[in-house]
Amino acid sequence: MAINIVKTQAIDNWTPLEAEREAQRLADAGQWQELAEFLSPNLGPKARPRTLLLATIAATETHTRKLLDGVIDLTVGSDLPPHIVLAIARRLAMAGETSAAWGVLLADKQLTASESSIPAVIGILSLIVQFSKDRNLRLGAIALKRRLSGVKTPVQPDQKITWGAEHPPADLACPTNPVLLFNQSVAAPAVVAELQEVRTAFESSLSREVPPQIAIYDNVLVNRYGQVWRDDGRVIISSKHPIPPESLAASRSAASVEHAMLAMEDAGFYHWLCEWMPSLFWSVYQGKDGPTFLMSDKPAGYQAASLDLLTTAIPRHAAGDAIRVKRLYVGDRRPLTYRYREAYAEGFRRINKAALDQAPTRTPANIYLSRRDASRRPIKNELDLIESLERVNFTAVELSRLTMAEQVALFANAQNIIAPHGAGLSHLLAKEQPARVLEIFPMSAGSMSLRYNFARISRLRGHTHGLHLERINPSTNEWAVNVDAVIREAGRFFA
């Protein structure tokens, strides 16, 4: 009873530290409505920085306008730690409050002046560009992104090659199996509506013809971060950072290569496997090997392993502080280009053949991708889920225990896949035979477009994809699964 009374009291009856502790307790319990009701009556200027961040999450999760207005009023121009301001601005941008996110960023001049904050600021500006419906705001965010990245004006390629002139796509028709939504009642209606809007927008985009392209830049400099620039200082690819001073210094005496393909990505497994790898497939089209792969001198292990499956015949060159490339090829990383399946057929064929040759043991047809080996988004009752799935003939697998070839072979043989949202589902792109995929999907406000990536891949590759919706705590990133509901859905979905 005492707890219920406390939750409805105005927080000016608490010390700032007591209010923060109570807010954190409610956030850890995922009680966002209760937290919004606790903070809304009187979120005053004495609120601690962490309280303001939790208030932002509560306001966007519950769509409490009064609380959100109070957060914005207290955040803009306040002397808050940079990491708190950035977290609030990011949350606002992802929730569609792009004007507020823009105001929060611009009001703190230290953020745009601090080299350590610039990558995060650029990431938030990218979200504003993605989610804002205000054209002028998008243009302003694009301009500021360029300035912070050192890109004064966009540099056009010296040449472009477009797929289709000599090899028109065999089939532009996408499969007719739209993504299915299960367990909708568990999620907040506003978040379900956000997901529906994302799904509808993607379905509409499938009517666009976006053939793959290769951009060619002559006489450029490249460093280990994948940044590309010219001697006159013009930046072509910034990778969310200004060009480091050591790269600019090294450019004066940099070694050179005649021609190379840019093959660098530091944003993670998904972006490498689903964007960069396919952008290199043209290099092996019809068995003809292309120019050198230009990689970082400190690449992630999965990058070399996946290139080994594509081809070992193409030489690789490592870029450090700076290397001069007389002709640089940059492939297309837009997902809609995957509709042109013939453009990617040889690359996918090579990857699957090499994987199956290296890992010839037959793997299960029904698999569950476990998150027991993942540090992010742990599922509190995953052992219960695994035990129940094993009783209906699904085999739990931890991808981190497998080689790249074994991972590709696992997906190549799988017919029915159940998996929590995670980077392992990137392998759906290379899978040639259609499968049925039930993705356990974490629902939180503002994240639906980013998390819809694997559903998009399934649509473009011909897999039947369903989303089992579950709430996730955006503060702790912990969640639990309704095991009985998943088993019931699996029985119908995979029948």
Protein backbone atom coordinates (compact mmCIF):
# COMPACT_ATOMS: atom_id res chain seq x y z
CA MET A 1 0.00 0.00 0.00
CA ALA A 2 2.81 2.41 0.85
CA ILE A 3 4.34 1.91 -2.58
CA ASN A 4 1.11 2.85 -4.35
CA ILE A 5 0.86 6.07 -2.34
CA VAL A 6 4.48 6.93 -3.12
CA LYS A 7 3.95 6.52 -6.84
CA THR A 8 1.24 9.16 -6.94
CA GLN A 9 3.01 11.75 -4.80
CA ALA A 10 4.61 14.75 -6.50
CA ILE A 11 8.33 14.26 -6.61
CA ASP A 12 9.01 17.58 -4.92
CA ASN A 13 8.22 15.67 -1.72
CA TRP A 14 11.39 13.69 -2.36
CA THR A 15 15.03 14.68 -2.41
CA PRO A 16 16.48 14.58 -5.97
CA LEU A 17 18.47 11.46 -5.09
CA GLU A 18 15.41 9.70 -3.63
CA ALA A 19 13.41 10.58 -6.75
CA GLU A 20 16.14 9.20 -8.99
CA ARG A 21 16.26 5.93 -7.02
CA GLU A 22 12.49 5.52 -7.19
CA ALA A 23 12.50 6.32 -10.91
CA GLN A 24 15.24 3.76 -11.48
CA ARG A 25 13.33 1.14 -9.51
CA LEU A 26 10.23 1.63 -11.64
CA ALA A 27 12.31 1.63 -14.83
CA ASP A 28 14.09 -1.59 -13.88
CA ALA A 29 10.66 -3.17 -13.32
CA GLY A 30 9.46 -1.95 -16.72
CA GLN A 31 6.63 0.04 -15.08
CA TRP A 32 6.68 2.90 -17.55
CA GLN A 33 3.12 4.11 -17.00
CA GLU A 34 3.70 4.23 -13.24
CA LEU A 35 7.00 6.04 -13.83
CA ALA A 36 5.32 8.60 -16.09
CA GLU A 37 2.63 9.19 -13.43
CA PHE A 38 5.29 9.53 -10.74
CA LEU A 39 7.37 12.09 -12.66
CA SER A 40 4.70 14.09 -14.51
CA PRO A 41 3.25 16.14 -11.60
CA ASN A 42 6.42 18.04 -10.88
CA LEU A 43 9.57 17.33 -12.83
CA GLY A 44 11.50 20.35 -11.62
CA PRO A 45 14.89 21.96 -12.22
CA LYS A 46 16.44 20.01 -9.33
CA ALA A 47 15.90 16.68 -11.11
CA ARG A 48 19.12 14.72 -11.46
CA PRO A 49 20.46 13.97 -14.99
CA ARG A 50 19.63 10.25 -14.79
CA THR A 51 16.07 11.11 -13.77
CA LEU A 52 15.69 13.26 -16.90
CA LEU A 53 16.85 10.38 -19.09
CA LEU A 54 14.44 7.94 -17.44
CA ALA A 55 11.68 10.53 -17.84
CA THR A 56 12.45 10.72 -21.56
CA ILE A 57 12.12 6.94 -21.92
CA ALA A 58 8.90 6.87 -19.89
CA ALA A 59 7.39 9.74 -21.88
CA THR A 60 8.18 8.19 -25.26
CA GLU A 61 7.09 4.69 -24.17
CA THR A 62 3.75 5.93 -22.83
CA HIS A 63 3.28 8.92 -25.17
CA THR A 64 2.80 11.25 -22.18
CA ARG A 65 2.96 14.68 -23.78
CA LYS A 66 3.09 16.70 -20.56
CA LEU A 67 6.08 14.75 -19.27
CA LEU A 68 7.86 14.94 -22.62
CA ASP A 69 7.37 18.72 -22.76
CA GLY A 70 8.83 18.99 -19.25
CA VAL A 71 11.88 16.92 -20.21
CA ILE A 72 12.55 19.04 -23.29
CA ASP A 73 12.18 22.28 -21.32
CA LEU A 74 14.63 21.11 -18.65
CA THR A 75 17.14 19.58 -21.09
CA VAL A 76 17.53 22.35 -23.67
CA GLY A 77 20.31 24.65 -22.56
CA SER A 78 20.89 22.86 -19.24
CA ASP A 79 24.32 21.98 -17.91
CA LEU A 80 23.98 18.18 -18.18
CA PRO A 81 26.73 15.58 -18.73
CA PRO A 82 27.29 15.08 -22.48
CA HIS A 83 26.42 11.37 -22.40
CA ILE A 84 23.04 12.18 -20.84
CA VAL A 85 22.27 14.88 -23.41
CA LEU A 86 23.23 12.54 -26.25
CA ALA A 87 21.11 9.70 -24.84
CA ILE A 88 18.09 12.01 -24.47
CA ALA A 89 18.52 13.42 -27.98
CA ARG A 90 18.87 9.94 -29.48
CA ARG A 91 15.76 8.72 -27.70
CA LEU A 92 13.80 11.77 -28.88
CA ALA A 93 14.92 11.30 -32.49
CA MET A 94 14.06 7.59 -32.53
CA ALA A 95 10.62 8.36 -31.10
CA GLY A 96 9.92 10.79 -33.93
CA GLU A 97 10.42 13.91 -31.77
CA THR A 98 12.99 15.13 -34.28
CA SER A 99 12.51 18.87 -33.72
CA ALA A 100 13.11 18.38 -30.00
CA ALA A 101 16.18 16.24 -30.67
CA TRP A 102 17.52 18.95 -33.00
CA GLY A 103 16.96 21.61 -30.35
CA VAL A 104 18.68 19.56 -27.66
CA LEU A 105 21.75 19.08 -29.86
CA LEU A 106 22.06 22.69 -30.99
CA ALA A 107 21.56 24.09 -27.49
CA ASP A 108 24.68 22.31 -26.22
CA LYS A 109 27.55 23.85 -28.17
CA GLN A 110 30.09 21.58 -26.45
CA LEU A 111 28.65 18.54 -28.24
CA THR A 112 29.49 19.79 -31.72
CA ALA A 113 32.86 21.13 -30.56
CA SER A 114 33.99 17.94 -28.82
CA GLU A 115 35.81 15.43 -31.02
CA SER A 116 34.73 12.55 -28.76
CA SER A 117 31.04 13.48 -29.09
CA ILE A 118 30.94 14.08 -32.84
CA PRO A 119 30.29 10.42 -33.94
CA ALA A 120 27.30 10.20 -31.58
CA VAL A 121 26.00 13.60 -32.75
CA ILE A 122 26.29 12.51 -36.38
CA GLY A 123 24.40 9.31 -35.54
CA ILE A 124 21.56 11.33 -34.01
CA LEU A 125 21.51 13.66 -37.02
CA SER A 126 21.15 10.57 -39.23
CA LEU A 127 18.09 9.56 -37.20
CA ILE A 128 16.63 13.03 -37.61
CA VAL A 129 17.10 12.74 -41.38
CA GLN A 130 15.47 9.32 -41.33
CA PHE A 131 12.45 10.08 -39.17
CA SER A 132 11.65 13.78 -39.65
CA LYS A 133 8.76 14.72 -41.92
CA ASP A 134 9.97 18.34 -42.05
CA ARG A 135 11.98 18.83 -45.24
CA ASN A 136 13.79 21.91 -43.94
CA LEU A 137 14.78 20.12 -40.75
CA ARG A 138 16.13 17.19 -42.77
CA LEU A 139 18.16 19.54 -44.95
CA GLY A 140 19.57 21.28 -41.87
CA ALA A 141 20.54 17.95 -40.30
CA ILE A 142 22.22 16.84 -43.53
CA ALA A 143 24.19 20.08 -43.74
CA LEU A 144 25.37 19.82 -40.12
CA LYS A 145 26.33 16.16 -40.63
CA ARG A 146 28.52 17.15 -43.56
CA ARG A 147 30.19 19.95 -41.64
CA LEU A 148 30.95 17.77 -38.63
CA SER A 149 32.26 14.99 -40.89
CA GLY A 150 34.49 17.33 -42.85
CA VAL A 151 32.40 16.94 -46.02
CA LYS A 152 32.06 20.49 -47.27
CA THR A 153 30.20 19.59 -50.46
CA PRO A 154 29.22 16.15 -51.84
CA VAL A 155 31.79 14.75 -54.29
CA GLN A 156 30.29 13.00 -57.28
CA PRO A 157 31.93 9.81 -58.63
CA ASP A 158 34.13 10.12 -61.66
CA GLN A 159 32.11 7.33 -63.22
CA LYS A 160 29.12 5.11 -62.41
CA ILE A 161 28.31 1.65 -63.67
CA THR A 162 24.64 0.63 -63.42
CA TRP A 163 23.45 -2.94 -63.51
CA GLY A 164 20.85 -3.67 -66.16
CA ALA A 165 22.23 -2.13 -69.33
CA GLU A 166 23.78 -5.41 -70.47
CA HIS A 167 22.22 -7.81 -67.96
CA PRO A 168 18.59 -6.90 -67.24
CA PRO A 169 17.17 -8.56 -64.13
CA ALA A 170 15.49 -11.87 -64.76
CA ASP A 171 12.72 -11.17 -62.27
CA LEU A 172 11.73 -7.94 -60.54
CA ALA A 173 8.65 -9.44 -58.94
CA CYS A 174 8.95 -9.77 -55.17
CA PRO A 175 7.35 -12.70 -53.37
CA THR A 176 3.77 -12.18 -52.26
CA ASN A 177 4.21 -13.30 -48.63
CA PRO A 178 4.01 -10.13 -46.49
CA VAL A 179 5.47 -10.24 -42.98
CA LEU A 180 3.02 -11.68 -40.43
CA LEU A 181 2.56 -10.27 -36.91
CA PHE A 182 1.84 -12.51 -33.91
CA ASN A 183 1.11 -11.76 -30.23
CA GLN A 184 0.18 -8.13 -30.97
CA SER A 185 -1.88 -7.70 -27.80
CA VAL A 186 1.22 -7.74 -25.58
CA ALA A 187 2.68 -4.54 -27.07
CA ALA A 188 1.54 -0.96 -26.57
CA PRO A 189 -0.92 0.04 -29.34
CA ALA A 190 1.22 3.03 -30.33
CA VAL A 191 4.29 0.81 -30.83
CA VAL A 192 2.28 -1.71 -32.86
CA ALA A 193 1.04 1.20 -34.99
CA GLU A 194 4.66 2.31 -35.45
CA LEU A 195 5.58 -1.19 -36.63
CA GLN A 196 2.59 -1.32 -38.98
CA GLU A 197 3.66 2.01 -40.48
CA VAL A 198 7.19 0.69 -41.05
CA ARG A 199 5.85 -2.46 -42.70
CA THR A 200 3.47 -0.50 -44.94
CA ALA A 201 6.21 1.92 -46.02
CA PHE A 202 8.53 -0.94 -46.95
CA GLU A 203 5.83 -2.76 -48.92
CA SER A 204 5.21 0.46 -50.85
CA SER A 205 8.92 0.83 -51.60
CA LEU A 206 9.00 -2.56 -53.37
CA SER A 207 7.47 -1.00 -56.47
CA ARG A 208 10.58 1.17 -56.99
CA GLU A 209 13.25 0.05 -59.41
CA VAL A 210 16.66 0.57 -57.79
CA PRO A 211 19.31 -1.22 -59.88
CA PRO A 212 22.73 -1.77 -58.26
CA GLN A 213 25.48 0.69 -59.10
CA ILE A 214 29.25 0.88 -58.74
CA ALA A 215 30.77 4.29 -58.05
CA ILE A 216 34.31 4.88 -59.34
CA TYR A 217 36.67 7.49 -57.87
CA ASP A 218 40.03 8.25 -59.43
CA ASN A 219 43.19 9.20 -57.50
CA VAL A 220 41.91 9.12 -53.94
CA LEU A 221 43.31 8.38 -50.47
CA VAL A 222 41.84 5.78 -48.11
CA ASN A 223 42.58 4.91 -44.47
CA ARG A 224 41.81 1.95 -42.18
CA TYR A 225 38.45 3.44 -41.19
CA GLY A 226 37.16 3.37 -44.77
CA GLN A 227 37.38 7.16 -45.07
CA VAL A 228 38.04 8.41 -48.59
CA TRP A 229 39.36 11.86 -49.51
CA ARG A 230 41.36 13.77 -52.11
CA ASP A 231 44.59 15.72 -51.92
CA ASP A 232 42.69 19.01 -52.04
CA GLY A 233 40.94 18.08 -48.75
CA ARG A 234 37.56 17.17 -50.22
CA VAL A 235 36.04 14.27 -48.28
CA ILE A 236 34.16 11.61 -50.24
CA ILE A 237 33.34 9.13 -47.44
CA SER A 238 33.65 10.34 -43.84
CA SER A 239 32.43 7.36 -41.78
CA LYS A 240 31.05 9.85 -39.23
CA HIS A 241 34.46 11.33 -38.36
CA PRO A 242 36.70 14.11 -39.68
CA ILE A 243 39.83 12.73 -41.35
CA PRO A 244 42.38 12.12 -38.52
CA PRO A 245 45.53 14.31 -38.54
CA GLU A 246 47.76 11.23 -38.80
CA SER A 247 45.97 10.20 -42.00
CA LEU A 248 46.35 13.65 -43.52
CA ALA A 249 50.05 13.60 -42.63
CA ALA A 250 50.55 10.10 -44.04
CA SER A 251 48.83 11.00 -47.32
CA ARG A 252 51.89 12.97 -48.48
CA SER A 253 54.05 9.84 -48.68
CA ALA A 254 51.39 7.14 -48.99
CA ALA A 255 52.04 3.98 -50.99
CA SER A 256 49.74 3.46 -53.94
CA VAL A 257 47.78 0.70 -55.65
CA GLU A 258 46.43 0.79 -59.19
CA HIS A 259 42.83 -0.23 -58.53
CA ALA A 260 40.90 -1.61 -55.57
CA MET A 261 37.42 -2.26 -54.21
CA LEU A 262 36.50 -0.69 -50.88
CA ALA A 263 35.85 -3.55 -48.43
CA MET A 264 35.69 -1.97 -44.98
CA GLU A 265 32.97 -1.76 -42.33
CA ASP A 266 33.26 -1.11 -38.59
CA ALA A 267 29.56 -0.92 -37.68
CA GLY A 268 29.13 -4.64 -37.02
CA PHE A 269 28.28 -8.05 -38.41
CA TYR A 270 24.91 -7.14 -39.95
CA HIS A 271 26.26 -4.17 -41.91
CA TRP A 272 29.18 -6.20 -43.21
CA LEU A 273 27.25 -9.31 -44.23
CA CYS A 274 24.11 -7.61 -45.52
CA GLU A 275 25.52 -4.44 -47.07
CA TRP A 276 29.24 -4.58 -47.78
CA MET A 277 29.59 -8.22 -48.82
CA PRO A 278 26.85 -8.06 -51.50
CA SER A 279 28.34 -4.79 -52.76
CA LEU A 280 31.45 -6.81 -53.72
CA PHE A 281 29.63 -9.58 -55.59
CA TRP A 282 29.99 -7.93 -58.98
CA SER A 283 33.72 -8.63 -58.70
CA VAL A 284 33.13 -12.36 -59.27
CA TYR A 285 30.22 -12.13 -61.69
CA GLN A 286 30.34 -15.00 -64.22
CA GLY A 287 33.55 -16.20 -62.61
CA LYS A 288 35.64 -13.19 -63.62
CA ASP A 289 37.81 -11.99 -60.76
CA GLY A 290 37.98 -8.25 -60.25
CA PRO A 291 40.51 -5.84 -58.73
CA THR A 292 42.10 -5.95 -55.27
CA PHE A 293 39.99 -5.93 -52.08
CA LEU A 294 41.05 -2.96 -49.97
CA MET A 295 40.59 -3.85 -46.28
CA SER A 296 41.53 -2.30 -42.96
CA ASP A 297 44.83 -3.36 -41.47
CA LYS A 298 42.78 -4.21 -38.36
CA PRO A 299 39.74 -6.03 -39.77
CA ALA A 300 37.17 -7.97 -37.75
CA GLY A 301 37.76 -11.71 -38.05
CA TYR A 302 34.42 -12.38 -39.74
CA GLN A 303 35.33 -10.07 -42.64
CA ALA A 304 38.26 -12.16 -43.88
CA ALA A 305 36.36 -15.39 -43.17
CA SER A 306 33.39 -14.32 -45.29
CA LEU A 307 35.60 -13.07 -48.13
CA ASP A 308 37.33 -16.46 -48.09
CA LEU A 309 33.95 -18.04 -48.91
CA LEU A 310 33.37 -15.59 -51.76
CA THR A 311 36.77 -15.96 -53.40
CA THR A 312 40.41 -16.51 -52.54
CA ALA A 313 41.60 -15.54 -56.02
CA ILE A 314 41.25 -11.78 -55.57
CA PRO A 315 44.28 -10.18 -53.81
CA ARG A 316 43.76 -8.18 -50.62
CA HIS A 317 45.55 -5.04 -49.59
CA ALA A 318 45.56 -3.52 -46.10
CA ALA A 319 45.02 0.19 -45.55
CA GLY A 320 46.59 1.88 -42.52
CA ASP A 321 46.82 5.64 -41.94
CA ALA A 322 46.63 6.29 -45.67
CA ILE A 323 47.01 4.54 -49.02
CA ARG A 324 46.61 6.09 -52.45
CA VAL A 325 44.28 4.33 -54.89
CA LYS A 326 44.44 5.34 -58.53
CA ARG A 327 40.98 3.87 -59.20
CA LEU A 328 38.65 3.02 -56.30
CA TYR A 329 35.44 1.03 -56.78
CA VAL A 330 32.64 1.46 -54.22
CA GLY A 331 29.71 -0.95 -54.50
CA ASP A 332 26.03 -0.25 -53.86
CA ARG A 333 24.76 -1.02 -50.34
CA ARG A 334 21.05 -0.13 -50.75
CA PRO A 335 18.88 -3.12 -49.75
CA LEU A 336 16.30 -2.57 -52.50
CA THR A 337 18.95 -3.48 -55.07
CA TYR A 338 18.60 -7.12 -53.92
CA ARG A 339 15.45 -7.31 -56.03
CA TYR A 340 17.87 -7.62 -58.96
CA ARG A 341 18.65 -11.17 -57.96
CA GLU A 342 20.72 -12.06 -61.00
CA ALA A 343 23.21 -9.33 -60.08
CA TYR A 344 23.96 -11.20 -56.84
CA ALA A 345 23.44 -14.81 -57.92
CA GLU A 346 27.09 -15.69 -58.49
CA GLY A 347 28.18 -14.28 -55.14
CA PHE A 348 25.51 -16.16 -53.20
CA ARG A 349 26.26 -19.35 -55.16
CA ARG A 350 29.96 -19.16 -54.34
CA ILE A 351 29.39 -18.50 -50.65
CA ASN A 352 26.99 -21.41 -50.22
CA LYS A 353 29.06 -23.87 -52.26
CA ALA A 354 32.25 -23.05 -50.36
CA ALA A 355 30.49 -23.32 -47.00
CA LEU A 356 28.87 -26.65 -47.80
CA ASP A 357 32.16 -28.02 -49.14
CA GLN A 358 33.95 -27.02 -45.92
CA ALA A 359 31.17 -28.12 -43.57
CA PRO A 360 29.65 -31.16 -45.30
CA THR A 361 27.92 -32.59 -42.18
CA ARG A 362 24.16 -32.40 -42.54
CA THR A 363 22.70 -29.88 -40.09
CA PRO A 364 19.16 -29.76 -38.64
CA ALA A 365 16.20 -28.62 -40.68
CA ASN A 366 14.59 -26.96 -37.65
CA ILE A 367 16.85 -24.56 -35.73
CA TYR A 368 16.59 -22.06 -32.89
CA LEU A 369 19.30 -19.38 -32.66
CA SER A 370 20.12 -18.99 -28.98
CA ARG A 371 21.16 -15.72 -27.33
CA ARG A 372 22.91 -17.48 -24.45
CA ASP A 373 26.22 -16.30 -25.93
CA ALA A 374 25.07 -12.66 -26.39
CA SER A 375 25.67 -9.84 -23.92
CA ARG A 376 22.91 -7.60 -25.32
CA ARG A 377 19.15 -8.18 -24.93
CA PRO A 378 19.38 -11.32 -22.75
CA ILE A 379 16.16 -13.36 -22.55
CA LYS A 380 15.48 -14.10 -18.89
CA ASN A 381 13.59 -17.35 -19.52
CA GLU A 382 15.48 -18.61 -22.57
CA LEU A 383 16.25 -22.00 -21.00
CA ASP A 384 12.51 -22.65 -20.63
CA LEU A 385 12.00 -21.64 -24.26
CA ILE A 386 14.79 -23.95 -25.46
CA GLU A 387 13.43 -26.91 -23.49
CA SER A 388 9.97 -26.41 -25.01
CA LEU A 389 11.33 -26.00 -28.55
CA GLU A 390 13.44 -29.13 -28.24
CA ARG A 391 10.26 -31.07 -27.43
CA VAL A 392 8.84 -30.04 -30.82
CA ASN A 393 12.00 -31.01 -32.72
CA PHE A 394 13.94 -27.74 -32.84
CA THR A 395 17.70 -27.73 -32.20
CA ALA A 396 19.20 -24.81 -30.27
CA VAL A 397 22.42 -23.42 -31.76
CA GLU A 398 24.92 -20.79 -30.57
CA LEU A 399 26.46 -19.23 -33.68
CA SER A 400 29.52 -17.96 -31.80
CA ARG A 401 30.68 -21.57 -31.46
CA LEU A 402 30.68 -22.10 -35.25
CA THR A 403 33.05 -21.03 -38.01
CA MET A 404 31.75 -18.74 -40.73
CA ALA A 405 31.47 -21.71 -43.11
CA GLU A 406 29.54 -23.69 -40.51
CA GLN A 407 27.15 -20.79 -39.94
CA VAL A 408 26.40 -20.42 -43.66
CA ALA A 409 25.96 -24.19 -44.05
CA LEU A 410 23.62 -24.25 -41.04
CA PHE A 411 21.35 -21.70 -42.71
CA ALA A 412 21.67 -23.33 -46.12
CA ASN A 413 20.21 -26.56 -44.75
CA ALA A 414 17.60 -25.03 -42.44
CA GLN A 415 13.95 -25.08 -43.47
CA ASN A 416 12.33 -23.66 -40.31
CA ILE A 417 14.07 -21.02 -38.18
CA ILE A 418 13.08 -19.50 -34.84
CA ALA A 419 15.29 -16.74 -33.46
CA PRO A 420 15.22 -13.71 -31.20
CA HIS A 421 16.09 -10.52 -33.05
CA GLY A 422 19.87 -10.43 -33.50
CA ALA A 423 22.73 -10.20 -36.00
CA GLY A 424 22.75 -13.96 -36.62
CA LEU A 425 19.69 -13.53 -38.83
CA SER A 426 21.95 -11.68 -41.29
CA HIS A 427 22.63 -15.11 -42.80
CA LEU A 428 19.10 -15.05 -44.27
CA LEU A 429 20.45 -12.89 -47.09
CA ALA A 430 22.84 -15.56 -48.39
CA LYS A 431 20.34 -18.39 -47.96
CA GLU A 432 19.28 -19.51 -51.44
CA GLN A 433 16.42 -21.90 -50.64
CA PRO A 434 13.25 -20.29 -49.19
CA ALA A 435 12.66 -20.86 -45.49
CA ARG A 436 10.05 -20.05 -42.88
CA VAL A 437 11.34 -17.69 -40.19
CA LEU A 438 9.68 -16.83 -36.87
CA GLU A 439 11.56 -13.89 -35.33
CA ILE A 440 10.98 -13.12 -31.65
CA PHE A 441 10.77 -9.37 -31.91
CA PRO A 442 11.47 -6.86 -29.08
CA MET A 443 9.00 -3.97 -29.09
CA SER A 444 9.95 -0.51 -27.83
CA ALA A 445 8.99 2.93 -29.06
CA GLY A 446 11.19 4.42 -31.77
CA SER A 447 13.09 1.24 -32.64
CA MET A 448 10.75 -0.45 -35.12
CA SER A 449 12.37 0.75 -38.34
CA LEU A 450 15.85 -0.33 -37.24
CA ARG A 451 14.66 -3.72 -35.99
CA TYR A 452 12.62 -4.48 -39.11
CA ASN A 453 15.81 -5.16 -41.12
CA PHE A 454 15.59 -8.96 -41.10
CA ALA A 455 11.95 -8.91 -42.13
CA ARG A 456 12.99 -6.75 -45.09
CA ILE A 457 15.70 -9.26 -46.01
CA SER A 458 13.22 -12.13 -45.93
CA ARG A 459 10.84 -10.25 -48.22
CA LEU A 460 13.61 -9.52 -50.70
CA ARG A 461 15.00 -13.08 -50.64
CA GLY A 462 11.69 -14.95 -50.72
CA HIS A 463 11.51 -16.27 -47.14
CA THR A 464 8.21 -16.37 -45.26
CA HIS A 465 8.73 -14.20 -42.18
CA GLY A 466 6.66 -13.86 -39.03
CA LEU A 467 7.23 -11.58 -36.04
CA HIS A 468 6.29 -12.77 -32.56
CA LEU A 469 6.03 -9.50 -30.60
CA GLU A 470 7.31 -9.14 -27.03
CA ARG A 471 7.88 -6.15 -24.77
CA ILE A 472 11.48 -5.28 -23.87
CA ASN A 473 12.66 -3.00 -21.12
CA PRO A 474 14.45 -0.14 -22.95
CA SER A 475 16.31 0.79 -19.76
CA THR A 476 17.80 -2.62 -18.94
CA ASN A 477 17.41 -4.28 -22.38
CA GLU A 478 16.08 -7.36 -20.60
CA TRP A 479 13.00 -9.24 -21.74
CA ALA A 480 11.13 -12.49 -21.37
CA VAL A 481 9.23 -14.62 -23.87
CA ASN A 482 5.74 -16.06 -23.64
CA VAL A 483 6.90 -19.64 -24.22
CA ASP A 484 3.42 -21.14 -24.60
CA ALA A 485 2.47 -18.54 -27.21
CA VAL A 486 5.65 -19.18 -29.23
CA ILE A 487 5.01 -22.94 -29.22
CA ARG A 488 1.38 -22.45 -30.33
CA GLU A 489 2.40 -20.04 -33.11
CA ALA A 490 5.19 -22.34 -34.27
CA GLY A 491 2.71 -25.21 -34.56
CA ARG A 492 0.58 -23.18 -36.96
CA PHE A 493 3.31 -21.22 -38.71
CA PHE A 494 5.49 -24.22 -39.60
CA ALA A 495 2.63 -26.64 -40.34
